[in-house]
Amino acid sequence: MQVFETPNAHAFMLKMLRFFKKLPFKFQSHNFRTTTLTDLYNETKDIITVQRFAGHRSIKTTQGYIKKDQLKVNKQVAAMLRSRK
């Protein structure tokens, strides 16, 4: 089963990819995982909870996903979105 089964979903994906190419930093779909784990850590400050949520065996793997500069990236994206309106 494919994730994007309908033409509308496919069109949405293409639109998102075009948007990501315009960002002032490199973006890959794996960034969603990094952002989610970073946000969870920032909310809980509990690396064990984040590790379990991510399904990592090693804390070192989880630590690799937690980005201290994520707030800076979030602000850049928000500013870019505001400027497009």
N, C-alpha and C. Protein backbone atom coordinates (compact mmCIF):
# COMPACT_ATOMS: atom_id res chain seq x y z
N MET A 1 0.84 -1.19 0.00
CA MET A 1 0.00 0.00 0.00
C MET A 1 0.88 1.25 0.00
N GLN A 2 0.60 2.16 -0.91
CA GLN A 2 1.35 3.40 -0.97
C GLN A 2 0.77 4.42 -0.02
N VAL A 3 1.63 5.29 0.49
CA VAL A 3 1.17 6.33 1.40
C VAL A 3 0.31 7.34 0.65
N PHE A 4 0.72 7.72 -0.56
CA PHE A 4 -0.01 8.70 -1.35
C PHE A 4 -0.74 7.98 -2.47
N GLU A 5 -1.98 7.64 -2.22
CA GLU A 5 -2.74 6.85 -3.18
C GLU A 5 -3.55 7.69 -4.16
N THR A 6 -3.92 8.89 -3.78
CA THR A 6 -4.80 9.67 -4.63
C THR A 6 -4.02 10.75 -5.37
N PRO A 7 -4.53 11.21 -6.50
CA PRO A 7 -3.87 12.31 -7.21
C PRO A 7 -3.76 13.57 -6.35
N ASN A 8 -4.77 13.83 -5.51
CA ASN A 8 -4.71 15.01 -4.65
C ASN A 8 -3.57 14.92 -3.66
N ALA A 9 -3.36 13.76 -3.09
CA ALA A 9 -2.26 13.58 -2.15
C ALA A 9 -0.92 13.72 -2.87
N HIS A 10 -0.86 13.21 -4.07
CA HIS A 10 0.37 13.32 -4.86
C HIS A 10 0.65 14.79 -5.18
N ALA A 11 -0.37 15.53 -5.56
CA ALA A 11 -0.22 16.96 -5.86
C ALA A 11 0.23 17.71 -4.62
N PHE A 12 -0.33 17.35 -3.48
CA PHE A 12 0.08 17.99 -2.21
C PHE A 12 1.55 17.73 -1.94
N MET A 13 1.99 16.48 -2.13
CA MET A 13 3.38 16.13 -1.89
C MET A 13 4.31 16.93 -2.80
N LEU A 14 3.94 17.07 -4.06
CA LEU A 14 4.76 17.85 -4.99
C LEU A 14 4.83 19.31 -4.57
N LYS A 15 3.71 19.84 -4.11
CA LYS A 15 3.68 21.22 -3.63
C LYS A 15 4.59 21.39 -2.42
N MET A 16 4.56 20.43 -1.51
CA MET A 16 5.42 20.49 -0.32
C MET A 16 6.90 20.41 -0.71
N LEU A 17 7.23 19.56 -1.66
CA LEU A 17 8.62 19.44 -2.09
C LEU A 17 9.12 20.74 -2.71
N ARG A 18 8.27 21.41 -3.50
CA ARG A 18 8.65 22.71 -4.08
C ARG A 18 8.87 23.73 -2.97
N PHE A 19 8.01 23.70 -1.96
CA PHE A 19 8.16 24.62 -0.83
C PHE A 19 9.47 24.37 -0.10
N PHE A 20 9.79 23.10 0.17
CA PHE A 20 11.01 22.76 0.91
C PHE A 20 12.26 23.22 0.18
N LYS A 21 12.23 23.21 -1.15
CA LYS A 21 13.39 23.64 -1.93
C LYS A 21 13.66 25.13 -1.76
N LYS A 22 12.65 25.89 -1.38
CA LYS A 22 12.80 27.34 -1.22
C LYS A 22 13.29 27.74 0.17
N LEU A 23 13.34 26.79 1.08
CA LEU A 23 13.76 27.11 2.45
C LEU A 23 15.23 27.52 2.47
N PRO A 24 15.61 28.38 3.44
CA PRO A 24 16.99 28.85 3.50
C PRO A 24 17.96 27.83 4.11
N PHE A 25 17.54 26.59 4.24
CA PHE A 25 18.39 25.53 4.78
C PHE A 25 17.99 24.23 4.12
N LYS A 26 18.86 23.25 4.18
CA LYS A 26 18.58 21.95 3.57
C LYS A 26 17.49 21.24 4.35
N PHE A 27 16.49 20.72 3.66
CA PHE A 27 15.39 20.02 4.32
C PHE A 27 15.22 18.65 3.71
N GLN A 28 15.07 17.66 4.57
CA GLN A 28 14.78 16.30 4.15
C GLN A 28 13.61 15.80 4.98
N SER A 29 12.91 14.82 4.48
CA SER A 29 11.74 14.32 5.21
C SER A 29 12.11 13.83 6.61
N HIS A 30 13.34 13.40 6.79
CA HIS A 30 13.77 12.94 8.11
C HIS A 30 13.81 14.09 9.12
N ASN A 31 13.81 15.33 8.61
CA ASN A 31 13.78 16.49 9.50
C ASN A 31 12.53 16.48 10.38
N PHE A 32 11.43 15.91 9.87
CA PHE A 32 10.22 15.82 10.69
C PHE A 32 10.49 15.03 11.96
N ARG A 33 11.23 13.94 11.83
CA ARG A 33 11.54 13.11 12.99
C ARG A 33 12.42 13.90 13.97
N THR A 34 13.42 14.57 13.45
CA THR A 34 14.30 15.38 14.30
C THR A 34 13.51 16.46 15.03
N THR A 35 12.65 17.15 14.30
CA THR A 35 11.86 18.22 14.91
C THR A 35 10.93 17.67 15.98
N THR A 36 10.28 16.55 15.70
CA THR A 36 9.35 15.95 16.66
C THR A 36 10.09 15.55 17.94
N LEU A 37 11.23 14.88 17.78
CA LEU A 37 11.97 14.44 18.96
C LEU A 37 12.56 15.62 19.73
N THR A 38 13.01 16.63 19.02
CA THR A 38 13.52 17.84 19.68
C THR A 38 12.42 18.54 20.44
N ASP A 39 11.26 18.70 19.81
CA ASP A 39 10.13 19.35 20.48
C ASP A 39 9.69 18.57 21.72
N LEU A 40 9.65 17.25 21.60
CA LEU A 40 9.27 16.42 22.74
C LEU A 40 10.27 16.59 23.89
N TYR A 41 11.54 16.61 23.55
CA TYR A 41 12.55 16.80 24.59
C TYR A 41 12.42 18.20 25.23
N ASN A 42 12.21 19.21 24.41
CA ASN A 42 12.07 20.57 24.94
C ASN A 42 10.87 20.69 25.88
N GLU A 43 9.82 19.93 25.60
CA GLU A 43 8.62 19.96 26.44
C GLU A 43 8.81 19.18 27.74
N THR A 44 9.47 18.02 27.65
CA THR A 44 9.56 17.12 28.81
C THR A 44 10.89 17.20 29.55
N LYS A 45 11.94 17.55 28.83
CA LYS A 45 13.31 17.51 29.37
C LYS A 45 13.65 16.11 29.90
N ASP A 46 13.03 15.10 29.29
CA ASP A 46 13.21 13.71 29.72
C ASP A 46 13.69 12.88 28.54
N ILE A 47 15.00 12.65 28.49
CA ILE A 47 15.60 11.93 27.38
C ILE A 47 15.11 10.48 27.29
N ILE A 48 14.77 9.88 28.42
CA ILE A 48 14.28 8.49 28.43
C ILE A 48 12.92 8.41 27.74
N THR A 49 12.05 9.37 28.02
CA THR A 49 10.74 9.40 27.36
C THR A 49 10.91 9.54 25.85
N VAL A 50 11.81 10.42 25.44
CA VAL A 50 12.05 10.63 24.01
C VAL A 50 12.63 9.36 23.39
N GLN A 51 13.56 8.73 24.09
CA GLN A 51 14.16 7.48 23.59
C GLN A 51 13.09 6.41 23.36
N ARG A 52 12.21 6.26 24.32
CA ARG A 52 11.14 5.25 24.20
C ARG A 52 10.18 5.60 23.08
N PHE A 53 9.82 6.88 22.98
CA PHE A 53 8.92 7.33 21.92
C PHE A 53 9.52 7.03 20.55
N ALA A 54 10.83 7.27 20.41
CA ALA A 54 11.51 7.06 19.12
C ALA A 54 11.80 5.60 18.83
N GLY A 55 11.81 4.78 19.88
CA GLY A 55 12.12 3.36 19.69
C GLY A 55 13.61 3.11 19.54
N HIS A 56 14.43 4.00 20.09
CA HIS A 56 15.88 3.83 20.01
C HIS A 56 16.36 2.89 21.11
N ARG A 57 17.35 2.07 20.78
CA ARG A 57 17.96 1.21 21.79
C ARG A 57 18.99 1.98 22.60
N SER A 58 19.62 2.95 21.95
CA SER A 58 20.72 3.68 22.60
C SER A 58 20.33 5.14 22.84
N ILE A 59 20.68 5.62 24.01
CA ILE A 59 20.47 7.04 24.33
C ILE A 59 21.29 7.91 23.38
N LYS A 60 22.46 7.44 22.97
CA LYS A 60 23.31 8.21 22.06
C LYS A 60 22.60 8.47 20.74
N THR A 61 21.82 7.52 20.26
CA THR A 61 21.06 7.73 19.03
C THR A 61 20.03 8.83 19.24
N THR A 62 19.34 8.77 20.35
CA THR A 62 18.33 9.79 20.67
C THR A 62 18.98 11.16 20.78
N GLN A 63 20.12 11.22 21.45
CA GLN A 63 20.82 12.50 21.61
C GLN A 63 21.20 13.10 20.26
N GLY A 64 21.48 12.26 19.30
CA GLY A 64 21.81 12.73 17.95
C GLY A 64 20.66 13.43 17.26
N TYR A 65 19.45 13.11 17.66
CA TYR A 65 18.26 13.72 17.05
C TYR A 65 17.87 15.04 17.71
N ILE A 66 18.30 15.26 18.93
CA ILE A 66 17.89 16.46 19.66
C ILE A 66 18.81 17.60 19.27
N LYS A 67 18.23 18.58 18.60
CA LYS A 67 19.00 19.70 18.06
C LYS A 67 18.75 20.95 18.89
N LYS A 68 19.83 21.49 19.40
CA LYS A 68 19.72 22.68 20.24
C LYS A 68 19.34 23.92 19.43
N ASP A 69 19.66 23.93 18.14
CA ASP A 69 19.37 25.10 17.33
C ASP A 69 18.02 25.01 16.61
N GLN A 70 17.18 24.05 17.00
CA GLN A 70 15.89 23.87 16.33
C GLN A 70 15.00 25.10 16.47
N LEU A 71 15.05 25.79 17.60
CA LEU A 71 14.23 26.99 17.76
C LEU A 71 14.60 28.04 16.73
N LYS A 72 15.88 28.16 16.40
CA LYS A 72 16.33 29.09 15.37
C LYS A 72 15.73 28.73 14.01
N VAL A 73 15.74 27.46 13.68
CA VAL A 73 15.17 26.99 12.42
C VAL A 73 13.67 27.26 12.39
N ASN A 74 12.98 26.97 13.50
CA ASN A 74 11.54 27.22 13.56
C ASN A 74 11.22 28.69 13.33
N LYS A 75 12.02 29.57 13.90
CA LYS A 75 11.81 31.01 13.71
C LYS A 75 12.04 31.41 12.26
N GLN A 76 13.04 30.83 11.60
CA GLN A 76 13.31 31.13 10.19
C GLN A 76 12.13 30.72 9.31
N VAL A 77 11.59 29.54 9.57
CA VAL A 77 10.46 29.05 8.78
C VAL A 77 9.24 29.94 9.03
N ALA A 78 8.98 30.28 10.28
CA ALA A 78 7.84 31.14 10.60
C ALA A 78 7.97 32.50 9.92
N ALA A 79 9.16 33.08 9.93
CA ALA A 79 9.39 34.37 9.26
C ALA A 79 9.16 34.26 7.77
N MET A 80 9.62 33.17 7.17
CA MET A 80 9.44 32.97 5.74
C MET A 80 7.95 32.83 5.40
N LEU A 81 7.22 32.10 6.22
CA LEU A 81 5.78 31.92 5.99
C LEU A 81 5.04 33.25 6.14
N ARG A 82 5.42 34.05 7.12
CA ARG A 82 4.78 35.35 7.32
C ARG A 82 5.03 36.27 6.13
N SER A 83 6.24 36.21 5.57
CA SER A 83 6.59 37.09 4.46
C SER A 83 5.86 36.72 3.17
N ARG A 84 5.36 35.51 3.07
CA ARG A 84 4.66 35.06 1.87
C ARG A 84 3.20 35.50 1.85
N LYS A 85 2.69 35.99 2.97
CA LYS A 85 1.27 36.38 3.03
C LYS A 85 1.04 37.75 2.46
